[in-house]
Amino acid sequence: MWRLIKILLILLVLAGLALIAYAYVGPIIFPADFAAPSQQITAPVTLEVD
């Protein structure tokens, strides 16, 4: 039982490290995935002045 818990903890730590590595290296390797969508939006605004 202890061996199973130990393996699960190791896998959890490795998954966390992989997520951190993807967050740091991802924008360099996959820039399109991390780019913010750029789209111009125009909407009329009505200001009510007293």
PDB file of N, CA and C in Angstrom:
ATOM      1  N   MET A   1       0.829  -1.196   0.000  1.00  0.00           N
ATOM      2  CA  MET A   1       0.000   0.000   0.000  1.00  0.00           C
ATOM      3  C   MET A   1       0.868   1.253   0.000  1.00  0.00           C
ATOM      4  N   TRP A   2       1.945   1.240   0.813  1.00  0.00           N
ATOM      5  CA  TRP A   2       2.822   2.395   0.884  1.00  0.00           C
ATOM      6  C   TRP A   2       3.505   2.647  -0.464  1.00  0.00           C
ATOM      7  N   ARG A   3       3.806   1.573  -1.190  1.00  0.00           N
ATOM      8  CA  ARG A   3       4.462   1.707  -2.495  1.00  0.00           C
ATOM      9  C   ARG A   3       3.537   2.426  -3.488  1.00  0.00           C
ATOM     10  N   LEU A   4       2.261   2.138  -3.467  1.00  0.00           N
ATOM     11  CA  LEU A   4       1.287   2.783  -4.361  1.00  0.00           C
ATOM     12  C   LEU A   4       1.168   4.273  -4.046  1.00  0.00           C
ATOM     13  N   ILE A   5       1.101   4.611  -2.770  1.00  0.00           N
ATOM     14  CA  ILE A   5       1.012   6.014  -2.370  1.00  0.00           C
ATOM     15  C   ILE A   5       2.287   6.754  -2.774  1.00  0.00           C
ATOM     16  N   LYS A   6       3.413   6.124  -2.616  1.00  0.00           N
ATOM     17  CA  LYS A   6       4.694   6.721  -2.966  1.00  0.00           C
ATOM     18  C   LYS A   6       4.768   6.983  -4.476  1.00  0.00           C
ATOM     19  N   ILE A   7       4.330   6.045  -5.279  1.00  0.00           N
ATOM     20  CA  ILE A   7       4.329   6.216  -6.734  1.00  0.00           C
ATOM     21  C   ILE A   7       3.375   7.332  -7.142  1.00  0.00           C
ATOM     22  N   LEU A   8       2.211   7.401  -6.524  1.00  0.00           N
ATOM     23  CA  LEU A   8       1.248   8.463  -6.841  1.00  0.00           C
ATOM     24  C   LEU A   8       1.792   9.846  -6.477  1.00  0.00           C
ATOM     25  N   LEU A   9       2.476   9.944  -5.355  1.00  0.00           N
ATOM     26  CA  LEU A   9       3.083  11.217  -4.966  1.00  0.00           C
ATOM     27  C   LEU A   9       4.185  11.632  -5.934  1.00  0.00           C
ATOM     28  N   ILE A  10       4.971  10.681  -6.366  1.00  0.00           N
ATOM     29  CA  ILE A  10       6.032  10.982  -7.333  1.00  0.00           C
ATOM     30  C   ILE A  10       5.426  11.446  -8.652  1.00  0.00           C
ATOM     31  N   LEU A  11       4.372  10.785  -9.103  1.00  0.00           N
ATOM     32  CA  LEU A  11       3.708  11.192 -10.337  1.00  0.00           C
ATOM     33  C   LEU A  11       3.080  12.576 -10.197  1.00  0.00           C
ATOM     34  N   LEU A  12       2.551  12.883  -9.045  1.00  0.00           N
ATOM     35  CA  LEU A  12       1.965  14.199  -8.805  1.00  0.00           C
ATOM     36  C   LEU A  12       3.035  15.292  -8.857  1.00  0.00           C
ATOM     37  N   VAL A  13       4.182  15.028  -8.258  1.00  0.00           N
ATOM     38  CA  VAL A  13       5.283  15.993  -8.290  1.00  0.00           C
ATOM     39  C   VAL A  13       5.788  16.170  -9.723  1.00  0.00           C
ATOM     40  N   LEU A  14       5.923  15.088 -10.465  1.00  0.00           N
ATOM     41  CA  LEU A  14       6.377  15.181 -11.854  1.00  0.00           C
ATOM     42  C   LEU A  14       5.380  15.937 -12.718  1.00  0.00           C
ATOM     43  N   ALA A  15       4.096  15.736 -12.491  1.00  0.00           N
ATOM     44  CA  ALA A  15       3.077  16.462 -13.246  1.00  0.00           C
ATOM     45  C   ALA A  15       3.140  17.954 -12.927  1.00  0.00           C
ATOM     46  N   GLY A  16       3.362  18.296 -11.675  1.00  0.00           N
ATOM     47  CA  GLY A  16       3.499  19.705 -11.296  1.00  0.00           C
ATOM     48  C   GLY A  16       4.720  20.341 -11.942  1.00  0.00           C
ATOM     49  N   LEU A  17       5.828  19.628 -11.960  1.00  0.00           N
ATOM     50  CA  LEU A  17       7.037  20.142 -12.610  1.00  0.00           C
ATOM     51  C   LEU A  17       6.839  20.299 -14.109  1.00  0.00           C
ATOM     52  N   ALA A  18       6.121  19.369 -14.720  1.00  0.00           N
ATOM     53  CA  ALA A  18       5.849  19.467 -16.154  1.00  0.00           C
ATOM     54  C   ALA A  18       4.966  20.673 -16.448  1.00  0.00           C
ATOM     55  N   LEU A  19       4.000  20.949 -15.610  1.00  0.00           N
ATOM     56  CA  LEU A  19       3.130  22.115 -15.795  1.00  0.00           C
ATOM     57  C   LEU A  19       3.917  23.412 -15.662  1.00  0.00           C
ATOM     58  N   ILE A  20       4.793  23.475 -14.695  1.00  0.00           N
ATOM     59  CA  ILE A  20       5.629  24.666 -14.511  1.00  0.00           C
ATOM     60  C   ILE A  20       6.568  24.835 -15.707  1.00  0.00           C
ATOM     61  N   ALA A  21       7.158  23.760 -16.181  1.00  0.00           N
ATOM     62  CA  ALA A  21       8.052  23.832 -17.343  1.00  0.00           C
ATOM     63  C   ALA A  21       7.285  24.295 -18.577  1.00  0.00           C
ATOM     64  N   TYR A  22       6.068  23.816 -18.758  1.00  0.00           N
ATOM     65  CA  TYR A  22       5.255  24.227 -19.904  1.00  0.00           C
ATOM     66  C   TYR A  22       4.905  25.705 -19.812  1.00  0.00           C
ATOM     67  N   ALA A  23       4.660  26.196 -18.622  1.00  0.00           N
ATOM     68  CA  ALA A  23       4.320  27.607 -18.450  1.00  0.00           C
ATOM     69  C   ALA A  23       5.511  28.506 -18.790  1.00  0.00           C
ATOM     70  N   TYR A  24       6.722  28.071 -18.485  1.00  0.00           N
ATOM     71  CA  TYR A  24       7.903  28.886 -18.771  1.00  0.00           C
ATOM     72  C   TYR A  24       8.407  28.711 -20.200  1.00  0.00           C
ATOM     73  N   VAL A  25       8.416  27.488 -20.707  1.00  0.00           N
ATOM     74  CA  VAL A  25       8.993  27.204 -22.015  1.00  0.00           C
ATOM     75  C   VAL A  25       7.938  27.270 -23.120  1.00  0.00           C
ATOM     76  N   GLY A  26       6.687  27.116 -22.783  1.00  0.00           N
ATOM     77  CA  GLY A  26       5.617  27.096 -23.768  1.00  0.00           C
ATOM     78  C   GLY A  26       5.547  28.311 -24.665  1.00  0.00           C
ATOM     79  N   PRO A  27       5.625  29.541 -24.119  1.00  0.00           N
ATOM     80  CA  PRO A  27       5.571  30.710 -25.004  1.00  0.00           C
ATOM     81  C   PRO A  27       6.722  30.783 -26.000  1.00  0.00           C
ATOM     82  N   ILE A  28       7.835  30.159 -25.709  1.00  0.00           N
ATOM     83  CA  ILE A  28       8.972  30.161 -26.626  1.00  0.00           C
ATOM     84  C   ILE A  28       8.739  29.157 -27.754  1.00  0.00           C
ATOM     85  N   ILE A  29       8.214  27.995 -27.407  1.00  0.00           N
ATOM     86  CA  ILE A  29       8.038  26.921 -28.385  1.00  0.00           C
ATOM     87  C   ILE A  29       6.699  27.052 -29.121  1.00  0.00           C
ATOM     88  N   PHE A  30       5.626  27.393 -28.406  1.00  0.00           N
ATOM     89  CA  PHE A  30       4.286  27.508 -28.983  1.00  0.00           C
ATOM     90  C   PHE A  30       3.747  28.922 -28.785  1.00  0.00           C
ATOM     91  N   PRO A  31       4.250  29.919 -29.502  1.00  0.00           N
ATOM     92  CA  PRO A  31       3.804  31.304 -29.245  1.00  0.00           C
ATOM     93  C   PRO A  31       2.337  31.543 -29.589  1.00  0.00           C
ATOM     94  N   ALA A  32       1.801  30.819 -30.559  1.00  0.00           N
ATOM     95  CA  ALA A  32       0.405  31.042 -30.940  1.00  0.00           C
ATOM     96  C   ALA A  32      -0.563  30.587 -29.840  1.00  0.00           C
ATOM     97  N   ASP A  33      -0.203  29.585 -29.090  1.00  0.00           N
ATOM     98  CA  ASP A  33      -1.069  29.098 -28.018  1.00  0.00           C
ATOM     99  C   ASP A  33      -1.156  30.080 -26.859  1.00  0.00           C
ATOM    100  N   PHE A  34      -0.121  30.895 -26.681  1.00  0.00           N
ATOM    101  CA  PHE A  34      -0.066  31.792 -25.539  1.00  0.00           C
ATOM    102  C   PHE A  34      -0.400  33.236 -25.906  1.00  0.00           C
ATOM    103  N   ALA A  35      -0.642  33.499 -27.186  1.00  0.00           N
ATOM    104  CA  ALA A  35      -0.926  34.863 -27.625  1.00  0.00           C
ATOM    105  C   ALA A  35      -2.377  35.222 -27.286  1.00  0.00           C
ATOM    106  N   ALA A  36      -2.546  36.446 -26.849  1.00  0.00           N
ATOM    107  CA  ALA A  36      -3.893  36.930 -26.569  1.00  0.00           C
ATOM    108  C   ALA A  36      -4.611  37.191 -27.883  1.00  0.00           C
ATOM    109  N   PRO A  37      -5.895  36.892 -27.951  1.00  0.00           N
ATOM    110  CA  PRO A  37      -6.621  37.164 -29.191  1.00  0.00           C
ATOM    111  C   PRO A  37      -6.689  38.671 -29.449  1.00  0.00           C
ATOM    112  N   SER A  38      -6.315  39.080 -30.640  1.00  0.00           N
ATOM    113  CA  SER A  38      -6.338  40.503 -30.968  1.00  0.00           C
ATOM    114  C   SER A  38      -7.457  40.762 -31.983  1.00  0.00           C
ATOM    115  N   GLN A  39      -8.421  41.535 -31.545  1.00  0.00           N
ATOM    116  CA  GLN A  39      -9.579  41.838 -32.377  1.00  0.00           C
ATOM    117  C   GLN A  39     -10.116  43.192 -31.933  1.00  0.00           C
ATOM    118  N   GLN A  40     -10.334  44.079 -32.882  1.00  0.00           N
ATOM    119  CA  GLN A  40     -10.829  45.395 -32.543  1.00  0.00           C
ATOM    120  C   GLN A  40     -12.342  45.349 -32.410  1.00  0.00           C
ATOM    121  N   ILE A  41     -12.822  45.893 -31.311  1.00  0.00           N
ATOM    122  CA  ILE A  41     -14.260  45.926 -31.038  1.00  0.00           C
ATOM    123  C   ILE A  41     -14.665  47.373 -30.877  1.00  0.00           C
ATOM    124  N   THR A  42     -15.657  47.787 -31.642  1.00  0.00           N
ATOM    125  CA  THR A  42     -16.184  49.149 -31.512  1.00  0.00           C
ATOM    126  C   THR A  42     -17.642  49.042 -31.090  1.00  0.00           C
ATOM    127  N   ALA A  43     -17.990  49.802 -30.078  1.00  0.00           N
ATOM    128  CA  ALA A  43     -19.363  49.811 -29.572  1.00  0.00           C
ATOM    129  C   ALA A  43     -19.715  51.244 -29.212  1.00  0.00           C
ATOM    130  N   PRO A  44     -20.912  51.691 -29.606  1.00  0.00           N
ATOM    131  CA  PRO A  44     -21.312  53.060 -29.251  1.00  0.00           C
ATOM    132  C   PRO A  44     -21.561  53.179 -27.750  1.00  0.00           C
ATOM    133  N   VAL A  45     -21.164  54.324 -27.209  1.00  0.00           N
ATOM    134  CA  VAL A  45     -21.340  54.577 -25.778  1.00  0.00           C
ATOM    135  C   VAL A  45     -22.154  55.865 -25.634  1.00  0.00           C
ATOM    136  N   THR A  46     -23.195  55.805 -24.842  1.00  0.00           N
ATOM    137  CA  THR A  46     -24.023  56.989 -24.584  1.00  0.00           C
ATOM    138  C   THR A  46     -23.780  57.442 -23.154  1.00  0.00           C
ATOM    139  N   LEU A  47     -23.296  58.659 -23.003  1.00  0.00           N
ATOM    140  CA  LEU A  47     -23.026  59.212 -21.685  1.00  0.00           C
ATOM    141  C   LEU A  47     -24.159  60.150 -21.317  1.00  0.00           C
ATOM    142  N   GLU A  48     -24.722  59.957 -20.153  1.00  0.00           N
ATOM    143  CA  GLU A  48     -25.772  60.826 -19.669  1.00  0.00           C
ATOM    144  C   GLU A  48     -25.159  61.842 -18.692  1.00  0.00           C
ATOM    145  N   VAL A  49     -25.254  63.117 -19.069  1.00  0.00           N
ATOM    146  CA  VAL A  49     -24.677  64.191 -18.260  1.00  0.00           C
ATOM    147  C   VAL A  49     -25.815  64.980 -17.649  1.00  0.00           C
ATOM    148  N   ASP A  50     -25.762  65.192 -16.345  1.00  0.00           N
ATOM    149  CA  ASP A  50     -26.812  65.954 -15.663  1.00  0.00           C
ATOM    150  C   ASP A  50     -26.479  67.429 -15.675  1.00  0.00           C
TER     151      ASP A  50
END
